[in-house]
Amino acid sequence: MPQHKVPAHYQALKQRYPEVLAAVEALGAATRAHGPLDETTTHLVQLAAAAAVGSEGAVHSHARRARAAGATAEEIRHAVLLLVSTIGFPRFAAAMSWVDEELVD
């Protein structure tokens, strides 16, 4: 999987609103650490939520993070495939295309 930098837009937001972005990052870390789910599973859950709401950037981010945490490409794709009957084919297909962009070797 290719290495990815933090997206330029996110970096710009972080420069413009450092306190807000620090709080957002801290909230994410706190929620992931709070429960019994491991890091890989938490990113797969967040990936599914991102796919459900059609957030391309978050799908990219959580696919990368899940992979970095140890999820296989098959597990990441399965997390999105499971959504097809819930979120509908068009949204599923879009999310899978975003995942595939991250999983290119």
C-alpha atoms as a PDB file:
ATOM      1  CA  MET A   1       0.000   0.000   0.000  1.00  0.00           C
ATOM      2  CA  PRO A   2       1.431   3.404  -0.868  1.00  0.00           C
ATOM      3  CA  GLN A   3       2.318   5.805   1.920  1.00  0.00           C
ATOM      4  CA  HIS A   4      -0.109   8.704   2.282  1.00  0.00           C
ATOM      5  CA  LYS A   5       0.449  12.091   3.763  1.00  0.00           C
ATOM      6  CA  VAL A   6      -2.149  13.853   5.791  1.00  0.00           C
ATOM      7  CA  PRO A   7      -4.403  15.580   3.220  1.00  0.00           C
ATOM      8  CA  ALA A   8      -3.486  19.197   2.530  1.00  0.00           C
ATOM      9  CA  HIS A   9      -6.976  20.418   3.430  1.00  0.00           C
ATOM     10  CA  TYR A  10      -6.761  18.767   6.846  1.00  0.00           C
ATOM     11  CA  GLN A  11      -3.327  20.295   7.401  1.00  0.00           C
ATOM     12  CA  ALA A  12      -4.710  23.725   6.485  1.00  0.00           C
ATOM     13  CA  LEU A  13      -7.600  23.322   8.925  1.00  0.00           C
ATOM     14  CA  LYS A  14      -5.158  22.255  11.611  1.00  0.00           C
ATOM     15  CA  GLN A  15      -3.077  25.384  11.025  1.00  0.00           C
ATOM     16  CA  ARG A  16      -6.093  27.671  10.962  1.00  0.00           C
ATOM     17  CA  TYR A  17      -7.882  26.120  13.960  1.00  0.00           C
ATOM     18  CA  PRO A  18      -5.232  24.311  16.011  1.00  0.00           C
ATOM     19  CA  GLU A  19      -7.230  24.139  19.246  1.00  0.00           C
ATOM     20  CA  VAL A  20     -10.337  22.837  17.521  1.00  0.00           C
ATOM     21  CA  LEU A  21      -8.474  20.165  15.561  1.00  0.00           C
ATOM     22  CA  ALA A  22      -6.555  19.124  18.672  1.00  0.00           C
ATOM     23  CA  ALA A  23      -9.892  18.674  20.440  1.00  0.00           C
ATOM     24  CA  VAL A  24     -11.310  16.654  17.525  1.00  0.00           C
ATOM     25  CA  GLU A  25      -8.227  14.423  17.493  1.00  0.00           C
ATOM     26  CA  ALA A  26      -8.374  13.988  21.273  1.00  0.00           C
ATOM     27  CA  LEU A  27     -12.064  13.080  21.090  1.00  0.00           C
ATOM     28  CA  GLY A  28     -11.325  10.424  18.478  1.00  0.00           C
ATOM     29  CA  ALA A  29      -8.489   8.981  20.542  1.00  0.00           C
ATOM     30  CA  ALA A  30     -10.590   8.987  23.710  1.00  0.00           C
ATOM     31  CA  THR A  31     -13.545   7.226  22.100  1.00  0.00           C
ATOM     32  CA  ARG A  32     -11.325   4.555  20.524  1.00  0.00           C
ATOM     33  CA  ALA A  33      -9.543   3.941  23.844  1.00  0.00           C
ATOM     34  CA  HIS A  34     -12.702   3.892  25.962  1.00  0.00           C
ATOM     35  CA  GLY A  35     -14.094   0.473  25.115  1.00  0.00           C
ATOM     36  CA  PRO A  36     -13.044  -3.101  24.565  1.00  0.00           C
ATOM     37  CA  LEU A  37     -12.763  -2.976  20.763  1.00  0.00           C
ATOM     38  CA  ASP A  38      -9.254  -3.205  19.385  1.00  0.00           C
ATOM     39  CA  GLU A  39      -7.789  -0.510  17.151  1.00  0.00           C
ATOM     40  CA  THR A  40      -8.414  -2.435  13.928  1.00  0.00           C
ATOM     41  CA  THR A  41     -12.069  -3.002  14.763  1.00  0.00           C
ATOM     42  CA  THR A  42     -12.623   0.610  15.768  1.00  0.00           C
ATOM     43  CA  HIS A  43     -11.352   1.794  12.394  1.00  0.00           C
ATOM     44  CA  LEU A  44     -13.538  -0.740  10.570  1.00  0.00           C
ATOM     45  CA  VAL A  45     -16.570   0.552  12.491  1.00  0.00           C
ATOM     46  CA  GLN A  46     -15.646   4.140  11.660  1.00  0.00           C
ATOM     47  CA  LEU A  47     -15.046   3.138   8.032  1.00  0.00           C
ATOM     48  CA  ALA A  48     -18.546   1.684   7.873  1.00  0.00           C
ATOM     49  CA  ALA A  49     -20.050   4.826   9.376  1.00  0.00           C
ATOM     50  CA  ALA A  50     -18.117   7.006   6.927  1.00  0.00           C
ATOM     51  CA  ALA A  51     -19.361   4.889   4.031  1.00  0.00           C
ATOM     52  CA  ALA A  52     -22.929   5.102   5.310  1.00  0.00           C
ATOM     53  CA  VAL A  53     -22.900   8.893   5.336  1.00  0.00           C
ATOM     54  CA  GLY A  54     -20.968   9.152   2.072  1.00  0.00           C
ATOM     55  CA  SER A  55     -17.887  10.846   3.524  1.00  0.00           C
ATOM     56  CA  GLU A  56     -15.174  10.201   0.945  1.00  0.00           C
ATOM     57  CA  GLY A  57     -12.373  11.699   3.022  1.00  0.00           C
ATOM     58  CA  ALA A  58     -13.291   9.693   6.119  1.00  0.00           C
ATOM     59  CA  VAL A  59     -13.561   6.486   4.074  1.00  0.00           C
ATOM     60  CA  HIS A  60     -10.047   7.087   2.753  1.00  0.00           C
ATOM     61  CA  SER A  61      -8.778   7.929   6.231  1.00  0.00           C
ATOM     62  CA  HIS A  62     -10.287   4.954   8.029  1.00  0.00           C
ATOM     63  CA  ALA A  63      -9.341   2.507   5.272  1.00  0.00           C
ATOM     64  CA  ARG A  64      -5.728   3.693   5.675  1.00  0.00           C
ATOM     65  CA  ARG A  65      -5.933   3.587   9.454  1.00  0.00           C
ATOM     66  CA  ALA A  66      -7.527   0.134   9.502  1.00  0.00           C
ATOM     67  CA  ARG A  67      -4.793  -1.150   7.197  1.00  0.00           C
ATOM     68  CA  ALA A  68      -2.089   0.427   9.364  1.00  0.00           C
ATOM     69  CA  ALA A  69      -3.684  -1.182  12.431  1.00  0.00           C
ATOM     70  CA  GLY A  70      -3.423  -4.615  10.817  1.00  0.00           C
ATOM     71  CA  ALA A  71      -6.641  -5.144   8.859  1.00  0.00           C
ATOM     72  CA  THR A  72      -6.249  -7.028   5.612  1.00  0.00           C
ATOM     73  CA  ALA A  73      -7.561  -5.678   2.336  1.00  0.00           C
ATOM     74  CA  GLU A  74     -10.157  -8.471   2.422  1.00  0.00           C
ATOM     75  CA  GLU A  75     -11.361  -7.411   5.898  1.00  0.00           C
ATOM     76  CA  ILE A  76     -11.601  -3.764   4.873  1.00  0.00           C
ATOM     77  CA  ARG A  77     -13.573  -4.595   1.739  1.00  0.00           C
ATOM     78  CA  HIS A  78     -15.831  -6.937   3.701  1.00  0.00           C
ATOM     79  CA  ALA A  79     -16.645  -4.164   6.189  1.00  0.00           C
ATOM     80  CA  VAL A  80     -17.940  -2.094   3.271  1.00  0.00           C
ATOM     81  CA  LEU A  81     -19.611  -5.010   1.463  1.00  0.00           C
ATOM     82  CA  LEU A  82     -21.687  -5.714   4.574  1.00  0.00           C
ATOM     83  CA  LEU A  83     -23.366  -2.341   4.084  1.00  0.00           C
ATOM     84  CA  VAL A  84     -24.837  -2.890   0.625  1.00  0.00           C
ATOM     85  CA  SER A  85     -28.280  -3.978   1.859  1.00  0.00           C
ATOM     86  CA  THR A  86     -28.381  -1.183   4.441  1.00  0.00           C
ATOM     87  CA  ILE A  87     -27.046   1.881   2.614  1.00  0.00           C
ATOM     88  CA  GLY A  88     -27.949   0.892  -0.942  1.00  0.00           C
ATOM     89  CA  PHE A  89     -25.886  -0.065  -3.946  1.00  0.00           C
ATOM     90  CA  PRO A  90     -24.877   3.422  -5.196  1.00  0.00           C
ATOM     91  CA  ARG A  91     -23.461   4.510  -1.832  1.00  0.00           C
ATOM     92  CA  PHE A  92     -21.823   1.098  -1.324  1.00  0.00           C
ATOM     93  CA  ALA A  93     -20.246   1.248  -4.796  1.00  0.00           C
ATOM     94  CA  ALA A  94     -18.899   4.746  -4.175  1.00  0.00           C
ATOM     95  CA  ALA A  95     -17.431   3.730  -0.818  1.00  0.00           C
ATOM     96  CA  MET A  96     -15.845   0.626  -2.314  1.00  0.00           C
ATOM     97  CA  SER A  97     -14.225   2.730  -5.032  1.00  0.00           C
ATOM     98  CA  TRP A  98     -12.729   5.001  -2.346  1.00  0.00           C
ATOM     99  CA  VAL A  99     -11.482   1.966  -0.413  1.00  0.00           C
ATOM    100  CA  ASP A 100      -9.966   0.506  -3.578  1.00  0.00           C
ATOM    101  CA  GLU A 101      -8.041   3.744  -4.131  1.00  0.00           C
ATOM    102  CA  GLU A 102      -6.400   3.208  -0.728  1.00  0.00           C
ATOM    103  CA  LEU A 103      -5.691  -0.488  -1.201  1.00  0.00           C
ATOM    104  CA  VAL A 104      -3.835  -0.204  -4.499  1.00  0.00           C
ATOM    105  CA  ASP A 105      -0.512  -1.954  -4.057  1.00  0.00           C
END
